Amino acid sequence: MTGSQGGGAPTALRVVLGRRLHDLREEAGLSYEQAAHALDVTHATIRRMEKAQVGLKIPYVEKLLRIYGISDQSELDSFLGLVREANRPGWWHRYRDVLPDWFSAFVSLEAEADQIRAYEPHYIPGLLQTEAYATAVLRSGMPHASGAEIERLVALRMARQDLHARKHPPLLWVVMDETVLRRPIGRPHVLRAQVTRLMEATALSHVRLQIMPFAAGPHPAMYGPFHLFRFPLSELADVACAENLAGAAYFDQRDDVSAFREALDRMCAQAAPVHRTEAVLSGIRKEI
């Protein structure tokens, strides 16, 4: 995934299972070539399975588990049950007609994370947008899209927000430039309603919102928007996603992710503290 542009990301569970297959193969003392020979496939296939770059085929996985010394039927059934779950399409699959691969990866990470941190210099983050604001943003960003396509994309954006209603929603911690709240999006009532929505969000226990004021001056993340994802599964590394005009780049190497995290930590120290956010938003809403 490191530095990759485009392409769908695997589910978090598939990554864990791939790494488990890697560990079992090494514990069994088998090389990629030996495991591949047992399945009559290329060694590249085994590598892709372990790196979660392809779906996990049940017959392949079952045979590998037996080759790796897993003979207990309950253990086999449990692992294969997880494989079936990992291969199941996510809820966003029904929007595949308007969902590019790079964003399918993003939605997958968003859905499985238990902590989402973000820096946004341009727009209100999608997880906090109103329907009217989302429509205005998408129309301006996709001027050649049909009305039907915009409607589908807005519906997808609203469906993503269902995570707020989970029993245990992920922590959403966002730093936004003040510019975001000053930029006219749609008519004034659209932006006013959007600011009201943000004020309501600050009351949610799992949402932390900070505003970076103009007066703070330059900061470490002036290159563009990005997200950091952390997962409840300890086997999964944190992932950073940096968006650009053509799509997004994903990073999971420790040094890369640390650079994003350090920049965000420094911005959190510069931005208005969380307990001041509602007052900042209230002042801005009065000016709209």
Protein backbone atom coordinates (compact mmCIF):
# COMPACT_ATOMS: atom_id res chain seq x y z
CA MET A 1 0.00 0.00 0.00
CA THR A 2 2.91 2.30 0.66
CA GLY A 3 2.84 5.31 -1.62
CA SER A 4 0.35 3.63 -3.93
CA GLN A 5 -1.81 5.77 -6.19
CA GLY A 6 -5.22 4.47 -7.09
CA GLY A 7 -6.20 0.84 -6.73
CA GLY A 8 -8.55 -0.53 -4.11
CA ALA A 9 -7.26 -1.26 -0.65
CA PRO A 10 -8.01 -4.62 0.99
CA THR A 11 -10.27 -4.88 4.01
CA ALA A 12 -8.54 -4.72 7.36
CA LEU A 13 -9.47 -8.33 8.10
CA ARG A 14 -7.94 -9.52 4.82
CA VAL A 15 -4.68 -7.80 5.73
CA VAL A 16 -4.63 -9.60 9.09
CA LEU A 17 -5.34 -12.98 7.49
CA GLY A 18 -2.65 -12.41 4.87
CA ARG A 19 -0.09 -11.67 7.56
CA ARG A 20 -1.22 -14.73 9.51
CA LEU A 21 -0.66 -16.90 6.44
CA HIS A 22 2.80 -15.37 6.11
CA ASP A 23 3.62 -16.21 9.73
CA LEU A 24 2.30 -19.77 9.43
CA ARG A 25 4.36 -20.37 6.29
CA GLU A 26 7.54 -19.16 7.96
CA GLU A 27 6.81 -21.18 11.09
CA ALA A 28 6.46 -24.24 8.86
CA GLY A 29 9.85 -23.46 7.32
CA LEU A 30 8.50 -23.21 3.78
CA SER A 31 9.57 -20.77 1.08
CA TYR A 32 7.23 -18.91 -1.27
CA GLU A 33 8.24 -21.34 -4.01
CA GLN A 34 7.46 -24.42 -1.91
CA ALA A 35 4.04 -23.11 -0.91
CA ALA A 36 3.32 -22.17 -4.51
CA HIS A 37 4.34 -25.63 -5.74
CA ALA A 38 1.80 -27.21 -3.40
CA LEU A 39 -0.98 -25.14 -4.97
CA ASP A 40 0.39 -25.35 -8.52
CA VAL A 41 0.55 -21.55 -8.72
CA THR A 42 3.38 -19.04 -9.06
CA HIS A 43 5.27 -17.81 -6.01
CA ALA A 44 3.94 -14.33 -6.85
CA THR A 45 0.42 -15.58 -6.06
CA ILE A 46 1.49 -16.58 -2.57
CA ARG A 47 3.14 -13.19 -2.06
CA ARG A 48 0.00 -11.36 -3.20
CA MET A 49 -2.16 -13.46 -0.88
CA GLU A 50 0.07 -12.65 2.09
CA LYS A 51 0.11 -8.95 1.22
CA ALA A 52 -3.69 -8.92 0.79
CA GLN A 53 -3.35 -7.76 -2.80
CA VAL A 54 -5.84 -10.39 -4.02
CA GLY A 55 -8.90 -12.06 -2.60
CA LEU A 56 -8.34 -15.23 -0.58
CA LYS A 57 -9.73 -18.32 -2.30
CA ILE A 58 -11.16 -20.82 0.18
CA PRO A 59 -9.66 -23.96 -1.49
CA TYR A 60 -6.21 -22.32 -1.65
CA VAL A 61 -6.30 -21.18 1.96
CA GLU A 62 -7.54 -24.53 3.26
CA LYS A 63 -4.79 -26.40 1.44
CA LEU A 64 -2.14 -23.98 2.66
CA LEU A 65 -3.31 -24.29 6.26
CA ARG A 66 -3.00 -28.08 6.09
CA ILE A 67 0.44 -27.80 4.48
CA TYR A 68 1.47 -25.42 7.26
CA GLY A 69 0.50 -28.01 9.87
CA ILE A 70 -2.98 -26.86 10.91
CA SER A 71 -4.91 -30.11 11.33
CA ASP A 72 -7.47 -29.23 14.02
CA GLN A 73 -10.83 -28.99 12.24
CA SER A 74 -12.24 -26.31 14.53
CA GLU A 75 -9.18 -24.13 13.92
CA LEU A 76 -9.50 -24.68 10.17
CA ASP A 77 -13.21 -23.86 10.21
CA SER A 78 -12.60 -20.72 12.25
CA PHE A 79 -9.89 -19.43 9.88
CA LEU A 80 -11.95 -20.21 6.78
CA GLY A 81 -14.96 -18.49 8.32
CA LEU A 82 -12.87 -15.34 8.70
CA VAL A 83 -11.77 -15.67 5.06
CA ARG A 84 -15.40 -15.75 3.93
CA GLU A 85 -16.12 -12.65 6.01
CA ALA A 86 -13.05 -10.84 4.63
CA ASN A 87 -14.13 -11.58 1.05
CA ARG A 88 -17.65 -10.26 1.59
CA PRO A 89 -18.23 -6.95 -0.26
CA GLY A 90 -18.57 -3.89 1.96
CA TRP A 91 -21.80 -1.89 2.12
CA TRP A 92 -20.26 0.65 -0.28
CA HIS A 93 -20.13 -1.99 -3.03
CA ARG A 94 -23.63 -0.94 -4.07
CA TYR A 95 -22.18 2.43 -5.09
CA ARG A 96 -19.50 0.91 -7.31
CA ASP A 97 -20.99 2.64 -10.36
CA VAL A 98 -19.76 6.01 -9.04
CA LEU A 99 -16.96 4.87 -6.72
CA PRO A 100 -13.41 5.04 -8.14
CA ASP A 101 -10.91 2.48 -6.90
CA TRP A 102 -8.89 4.99 -4.93
CA PHE A 103 -11.94 6.15 -3.01
CA SER A 104 -13.21 2.61 -2.48
CA ALA A 105 -9.95 2.11 -0.59
CA PHE A 106 -10.63 5.24 1.47
CA VAL A 107 -14.18 4.21 2.41
CA SER A 108 -12.95 0.74 3.39
CA LEU A 109 -10.35 2.23 5.75
CA GLU A 110 -12.87 4.72 7.14
CA ALA A 111 -15.41 1.97 7.83
CA GLU A 112 -12.96 -0.25 9.73
CA ALA A 113 -10.96 2.33 11.69
CA ASP A 114 -11.56 3.07 15.36
CA GLN A 115 -9.72 6.40 15.11
CA ILE A 116 -9.83 8.85 12.20
CA ARG A 117 -7.73 12.00 12.35
CA ALA A 118 -7.72 14.56 9.55
CA TYR A 119 -6.48 17.91 8.35
CA GLU A 120 -8.74 19.77 5.94
CA PRO A 121 -7.77 23.12 4.34
CA HIS A 122 -10.53 23.32 1.70
CA TYR A 123 -13.88 21.77 2.64
CA ILE A 124 -15.85 20.46 5.59
CA PRO A 125 -14.91 16.75 5.89
CA GLY A 126 -17.40 14.42 4.22
CA LEU A 127 -18.34 12.75 7.52
CA LEU A 128 -19.64 16.10 8.81
CA GLN A 129 -21.25 17.60 5.69
CA THR A 130 -24.92 18.40 5.27
CA GLU A 131 -26.63 17.09 2.16
CA ALA A 132 -26.94 20.58 0.65
CA TYR A 133 -23.28 21.39 1.30
CA ALA A 134 -22.17 18.02 -0.14
CA THR A 135 -24.24 18.65 -3.27
CA ALA A 136 -22.68 22.09 -3.78
CA VAL A 137 -19.15 20.76 -3.27
CA LEU A 138 -19.60 17.85 -5.66
CA ARG A 139 -21.19 20.00 -8.36
CA SER A 140 -18.28 22.43 -8.27
CA GLY A 141 -15.68 19.69 -8.17
CA MET A 142 -17.29 17.56 -10.90
CA PRO A 143 -18.72 20.05 -13.42
CA HIS A 144 -19.15 17.40 -16.13
CA ALA A 145 -21.02 14.88 -13.95
CA SER A 146 -24.70 14.29 -14.60
CA GLY A 147 -27.36 15.17 -12.05
CA ALA A 148 -27.97 11.46 -11.43
CA GLU A 149 -24.29 10.86 -10.75
CA ILE A 150 -24.15 13.76 -8.29
CA GLU A 151 -27.21 12.36 -6.49
CA ARG A 152 -25.53 8.96 -6.17
CA LEU A 153 -22.34 10.51 -4.82
CA VAL A 154 -24.27 12.57 -2.29
CA ALA A 155 -26.16 9.45 -1.21
CA LEU A 156 -22.82 7.66 -0.73
CA ARG A 157 -21.51 10.56 1.36
CA MET A 158 -24.60 10.53 3.56
CA ALA A 159 -24.37 6.72 3.93
CA ARG A 160 -20.78 7.08 5.17
CA GLN A 161 -22.10 9.17 8.04
CA ASP A 162 -23.98 6.17 9.42
CA LEU A 163 -20.86 5.40 11.43
CA HIS A 164 -21.90 8.19 13.83
CA ALA A 165 -24.86 6.02 14.85
CA ARG A 166 -22.78 2.96 15.72
CA LYS A 167 -22.79 1.70 19.28
CA HIS A 168 -19.03 2.33 19.33
CA PRO A 169 -18.28 4.93 16.64
CA PRO A 170 -14.68 5.75 15.77
CA LEU A 171 -13.02 8.79 17.25
CA LEU A 172 -13.17 11.53 14.62
CA TRP A 173 -10.60 14.26 15.29
CA VAL A 174 -10.41 16.98 12.65
CA VAL A 175 -8.32 20.13 12.30
CA MET A 176 -9.81 22.58 9.77
CA ASP A 177 -8.37 25.82 8.47
CA GLU A 178 -10.51 28.87 9.16
CA THR A 179 -10.54 29.27 5.37
CA VAL A 180 -12.92 26.32 5.14
CA LEU A 181 -15.57 28.22 7.08
CA ARG A 182 -15.06 31.47 5.15
CA ARG A 183 -15.24 30.02 1.64
CA PRO A 184 -18.73 30.54 0.09
CA ILE A 185 -20.20 27.14 -0.74
CA GLY A 186 -23.65 27.35 -2.27
CA ARG A 187 -25.90 30.14 -1.06
CA PRO A 188 -25.38 31.71 2.40
CA HIS A 189 -28.09 29.57 4.00
CA VAL A 190 -26.22 26.43 2.89
CA LEU A 191 -23.04 27.46 4.69
CA ARG A 192 -24.98 28.70 7.71
CA ALA A 193 -26.75 25.33 8.04
CA GLN A 194 -23.41 23.58 7.63
CA VAL A 195 -21.85 25.57 10.47
CA THR A 196 -24.87 24.70 12.62
CA ARG A 197 -24.27 21.04 11.80
CA LEU A 198 -20.66 21.38 12.95
CA MET A 199 -21.81 22.96 16.21
CA GLU A 200 -24.11 19.99 16.77
CA ALA A 201 -21.26 17.62 16.02
CA THR A 202 -19.09 19.16 18.74
CA ALA A 203 -21.60 17.83 21.27
CA LEU A 204 -20.92 14.23 20.16
CA SER A 205 -18.57 12.41 22.50
CA HIS A 206 -16.61 10.81 19.64
CA VAL A 207 -16.04 14.03 17.65
CA ARG A 208 -13.21 16.49 18.29
CA LEU A 209 -13.09 19.52 16.04
CA GLN A 210 -10.42 22.23 16.05
CA ILE A 211 -10.22 25.38 13.92
CA MET A 212 -6.84 26.66 12.72
CA PRO A 213 -7.18 30.48 12.74
CA PHE A 214 -5.59 32.77 10.16
CA ALA A 215 -3.62 34.35 12.99
CA ALA A 216 -1.77 31.09 13.64
CA GLY A 217 0.26 31.70 10.49
CA PRO A 218 2.04 28.91 8.59
CA HIS A 219 1.93 25.36 9.89
CA PRO A 220 3.49 21.95 9.03
CA ALA A 221 0.65 20.64 6.84
CA MET A 222 0.12 23.40 4.29
CA TYR A 223 0.70 20.91 1.44
CA GLY A 224 -2.87 19.62 1.32
CA PRO A 225 -5.55 17.52 3.04
CA PHE A 226 -4.80 14.15 4.59
CA HIS A 227 -6.28 11.51 6.89
CA LEU A 228 -4.78 9.14 9.45
CA PHE A 229 -6.51 5.84 10.19
CA ARG A 230 -5.92 3.61 13.22
CA PHE A 231 -7.57 0.20 13.62
CA PRO A 232 -8.74 -1.93 16.55
CA LEU A 233 -6.72 -4.89 15.25
CA SER A 234 -3.19 -4.70 16.64
CA GLU A 235 -1.82 -6.50 13.60
CA LEU A 236 -2.70 -3.55 11.40
CA ALA A 237 -0.36 -0.61 10.97
CA ASP A 238 -1.74 2.93 10.91
CA VAL A 239 -2.45 4.23 7.41
CA ALA A 240 -2.12 7.78 6.09
CA CYS A 241 -4.02 8.96 3.04
CA ALA A 242 -3.02 12.14 1.18
CA GLU A 243 -5.51 13.34 -1.44
CA ASN A 244 -4.65 15.07 -4.70
CA LEU A 245 -6.39 16.09 -7.91
CA ALA A 246 -5.97 12.65 -9.52
CA GLY A 247 -6.91 10.52 -6.51
CA ALA A 248 -4.95 9.67 -3.38
CA ALA A 249 -1.73 8.12 -2.14
CA TYR A 250 -1.75 5.66 0.78
CA PHE A 251 1.13 5.12 3.21
CA ASP A 252 1.58 2.50 5.92
CA GLN A 253 5.34 2.56 6.55
CA ARG A 254 6.16 3.75 10.07
CA ASP A 255 8.38 6.69 9.04
CA ASP A 256 5.85 7.99 6.51
CA VAL A 257 2.91 7.75 8.88
CA SER A 258 4.93 9.33 11.69
CA ALA A 259 5.57 12.39 9.52
CA PHE A 260 1.84 12.91 9.02
CA ARG A 261 1.11 12.30 12.70
CA GLU A 262 3.78 14.73 13.87
CA ALA A 263 2.44 17.46 11.57
CA LEU A 264 -1.09 16.90 12.86
CA ASP A 265 0.03 16.89 16.50
CA ARG A 266 1.78 20.21 15.99
CA MET A 267 -1.31 21.67 14.34
CA CYS A 268 -3.50 20.52 17.21
CA ALA A 269 -1.24 22.54 19.52
CA GLN A 270 -1.56 25.64 17.27
CA ALA A 271 -5.30 25.42 16.57
CA ALA A 272 -8.08 26.64 18.84
CA PRO A 273 -8.60 24.08 21.63
CA VAL A 274 -11.54 21.71 21.35
CA HIS A 275 -13.50 23.41 24.15
CA ARG A 276 -13.36 26.71 22.20
CA THR A 277 -14.61 25.30 18.91
CA GLU A 278 -18.32 25.88 19.49
CA ALA A 279 -17.71 29.54 20.37
CA VAL A 280 -15.56 30.00 17.25
CA LEU A 281 -18.25 28.43 15.08
CA SER A 282 -20.99 30.51 16.69
CA GLY A 283 -19.08 33.70 15.91
CA ILE A 284 -18.56 32.68 12.29
CA ARG A 285 -22.23 31.73 11.86
CA LYS A 286 -23.31 35.21 12.97
CA GLU A 287 -21.13 36.71 10.21
CA ILE A 288 -22.63 34.60 7.39
